[in-house]
Amino acid sequence: MNKPQKYIISFLPAAIFLFNQILIMFIRPIIPANRFELLSEIFGWLPNYLASVGFVLMSMLLLIIIKELKLDKKYARYYNIYMIFISVIALFGFIWWENQQKNNSMIYDLKDIYATVCGVITGYSIFLILYFKHKFNN
């Protein structure tokens, strides 16, 4: 993996989290649900998707740091196990949070859980593509 690719991957989680906050704080409140039903629905579950993708990609940064510190030969065989573990933790954590919303004044939505599952799968898939394409060795 060359330096520009590493910089893009390093910047991507921050960009995802920033867009997620802009979406939650500024974009969603101005979209009238009765006029733009589909857009409103997508913006309803999109923060869950982005948060789970961002979390998994942020965790992948640790692997890049390990590579930069030249510790990769010792730990390379554990990369996939680490990412599976992180993905499972993200999945259970975000689903747990969604279920906690049943007991609070927040809105529980099954579509948010679907978005979380898809987000974790997307994040892990990006890792697999990069892992098998580059093996973090370039």
Protein backbone atom coordinates (compact mmCIF):
# COMPACT_ATOMS: atom_id res chain seq x y z
CA MET A 1 0.00 0.00 0.00
CA ASN A 2 1.55 3.30 -1.03
CA LYS A 3 1.53 6.52 0.99
CA PRO A 4 -1.42 8.22 -0.77
CA GLN A 5 -3.55 5.12 -0.19
CA LYS A 6 -2.55 5.07 3.48
CA TYR A 7 -3.43 8.75 3.82
CA ILE A 8 -6.82 8.21 2.18
CA ILE A 9 -7.58 5.25 4.44
CA SER A 10 -6.38 7.23 7.46
CA PHE A 11 -8.58 10.19 6.52
CA LEU A 12 -11.66 8.16 5.55
CA PRO A 13 -13.00 7.33 9.06
CA ALA A 14 -12.71 10.98 10.11
CA ALA A 15 -14.51 12.09 6.94
CA ILE A 16 -17.25 9.50 7.51
CA PHE A 17 -17.76 10.58 11.13
CA LEU A 18 -17.75 14.26 10.16
CA PHE A 19 -20.34 13.72 7.41
CA ASN A 20 -22.38 11.62 9.84
CA GLN A 21 -22.51 14.48 12.35
CA ILE A 22 -23.35 17.02 9.64
CA LEU A 23 -26.14 14.71 8.49
CA ILE A 24 -27.55 14.30 12.00
CA MET A 25 -27.23 17.91 13.12
CA PHE A 26 -27.92 19.94 9.98
CA ILE A 27 -29.31 17.94 7.06
CA ARG A 28 -31.90 15.65 8.69
CA PRO A 29 -33.68 18.43 10.60
CA ILE A 30 -34.39 20.45 7.44
CA ILE A 31 -35.76 17.56 5.34
CA PRO A 32 -39.55 17.50 5.71
CA ALA A 33 -40.64 13.87 6.04
CA ASN A 34 -44.01 14.48 4.43
CA ARG A 35 -42.51 15.95 1.21
CA PHE A 36 -39.44 13.76 0.79
CA GLU A 37 -40.43 10.41 2.27
CA LEU A 38 -37.72 8.31 0.61
CA LEU A 39 -34.95 10.79 1.36
CA SER A 40 -36.17 11.17 4.92
CA GLU A 41 -36.19 7.40 5.36
CA ILE A 42 -32.67 7.01 3.96
CA PHE A 43 -31.41 9.81 6.21
CA GLY A 44 -33.08 8.00 9.10
CA TRP A 45 -30.91 4.88 8.88
CA LEU A 46 -27.84 6.32 7.14
CA PRO A 47 -26.15 7.48 10.40
CA ASN A 48 -26.19 3.90 11.70
CA TYR A 49 -24.64 2.64 8.48
CA LEU A 50 -21.95 5.33 8.44
CA ALA A 51 -21.10 4.89 12.12
CA SER A 52 -20.55 1.16 11.77
CA VAL A 53 -18.50 1.52 8.56
CA GLY A 54 -16.43 4.27 10.18
CA PHE A 55 -15.82 2.25 13.34
CA VAL A 56 -14.56 -0.78 11.44
CA LEU A 57 -12.36 1.34 9.16
CA MET A 58 -11.01 3.27 12.14
CA SER A 59 -10.01 -0.03 13.70
CA MET A 60 -8.18 -0.92 10.50
CA LEU A 61 -5.90 2.07 11.10
CA LEU A 62 -4.24 0.13 13.92
CA LEU A 63 -3.08 -2.39 11.34
CA ILE A 64 -1.53 0.38 9.27
CA ILE A 65 0.23 1.71 12.38
CA ILE A 66 1.56 -1.79 13.12
CA LYS A 67 2.90 -1.93 9.56
CA GLU A 68 4.56 1.47 9.93
CA LEU A 69 6.20 0.39 13.21
CA LYS A 70 7.62 -2.67 11.44
CA LEU A 71 5.77 -5.04 13.76
CA ASP A 72 3.77 -6.55 10.92
CA LYS A 73 5.80 -9.73 10.48
CA LYS A 74 5.10 -10.76 14.05
CA TYR A 75 1.38 -9.90 13.98
CA ALA A 76 0.37 -10.24 10.29
CA ARG A 77 -1.27 -13.61 10.79
CA TYR A 78 -3.63 -12.05 13.33
CA TYR A 79 -4.91 -9.22 11.07
CA ASN A 80 -7.98 -11.10 9.88
CA ILE A 81 -8.79 -12.43 13.36
CA TYR A 82 -8.46 -8.90 14.77
CA MET A 83 -10.82 -7.47 12.14
CA ILE A 84 -13.37 -10.23 12.68
CA PHE A 85 -13.24 -9.52 16.42
CA ILE A 86 -13.64 -5.76 15.84
CA SER A 87 -16.53 -6.36 13.43
CA VAL A 88 -18.34 -8.60 15.93
CA ILE A 89 -17.79 -6.06 18.73
CA ALA A 90 -19.08 -3.26 16.49
CA LEU A 91 -22.08 -5.30 15.47
CA PHE A 92 -23.08 -6.23 19.01
CA GLY A 93 -22.30 -2.77 20.36
CA PHE A 94 -24.35 -0.86 17.81
CA ILE A 95 -27.24 -3.33 17.99
CA TRP A 96 -27.14 -3.14 21.79
CA TRP A 97 -27.33 0.66 21.55
CA GLU A 98 -30.30 0.45 19.19
CA ASN A 99 -32.07 -1.91 21.59
CA GLN A 100 -31.42 0.51 24.47
CA GLN A 101 -33.49 3.06 22.60
CA LYS A 102 -36.61 0.98 23.31
CA ASN A 103 -36.28 1.91 26.99
CA ASN A 104 -35.53 5.61 26.43
CA SER A 105 -37.28 8.43 24.69
CA MET A 106 -35.28 7.72 21.53
CA ILE A 107 -36.67 6.01 18.43
CA TYR A 108 -36.11 2.28 17.94
CA ASP A 109 -36.14 1.22 14.32
CA LEU A 110 -35.41 -2.20 12.86
CA LYS A 111 -34.07 -0.51 9.72
CA ASP A 112 -31.30 0.96 11.87
CA ILE A 113 -30.25 -2.55 12.85
CA TYR A 114 -30.24 -3.63 9.20
CA ALA A 115 -28.14 -0.57 8.35
CA THR A 116 -25.71 -1.43 11.15
CA VAL A 117 -25.30 -4.99 9.89
CA CYS A 118 -24.75 -3.74 6.33
CA GLY A 119 -22.27 -1.13 7.58
CA VAL A 120 -20.19 -3.67 9.47
CA ILE A 121 -20.20 -5.98 6.45
CA THR A 122 -19.14 -3.07 4.22
CA GLY A 123 -16.30 -2.07 6.55
CA TYR A 124 -15.06 -5.63 6.84
CA SER A 125 -15.34 -6.09 3.07
CA ILE A 126 -13.18 -3.00 2.49
CA PHE A 127 -10.61 -4.51 4.85
CA LEU A 128 -10.69 -7.84 2.97
CA ILE A 129 -10.28 -6.13 -0.40
CA LEU A 130 -7.30 -4.15 0.83
CA TYR A 131 -5.86 -7.09 2.75
CA PHE A 132 -5.93 -9.52 -0.15
CA LYS A 133 -5.04 -6.90 -2.77
CA HIS A 134 -2.12 -5.35 -0.91
CA LYS A 135 -1.48 -7.62 2.07
CA PHE A 136 -0.40 -4.34 3.71
CA ASN A 137 3.07 -5.08 2.29
CA ASN A 138 3.57 -2.39 -0.35
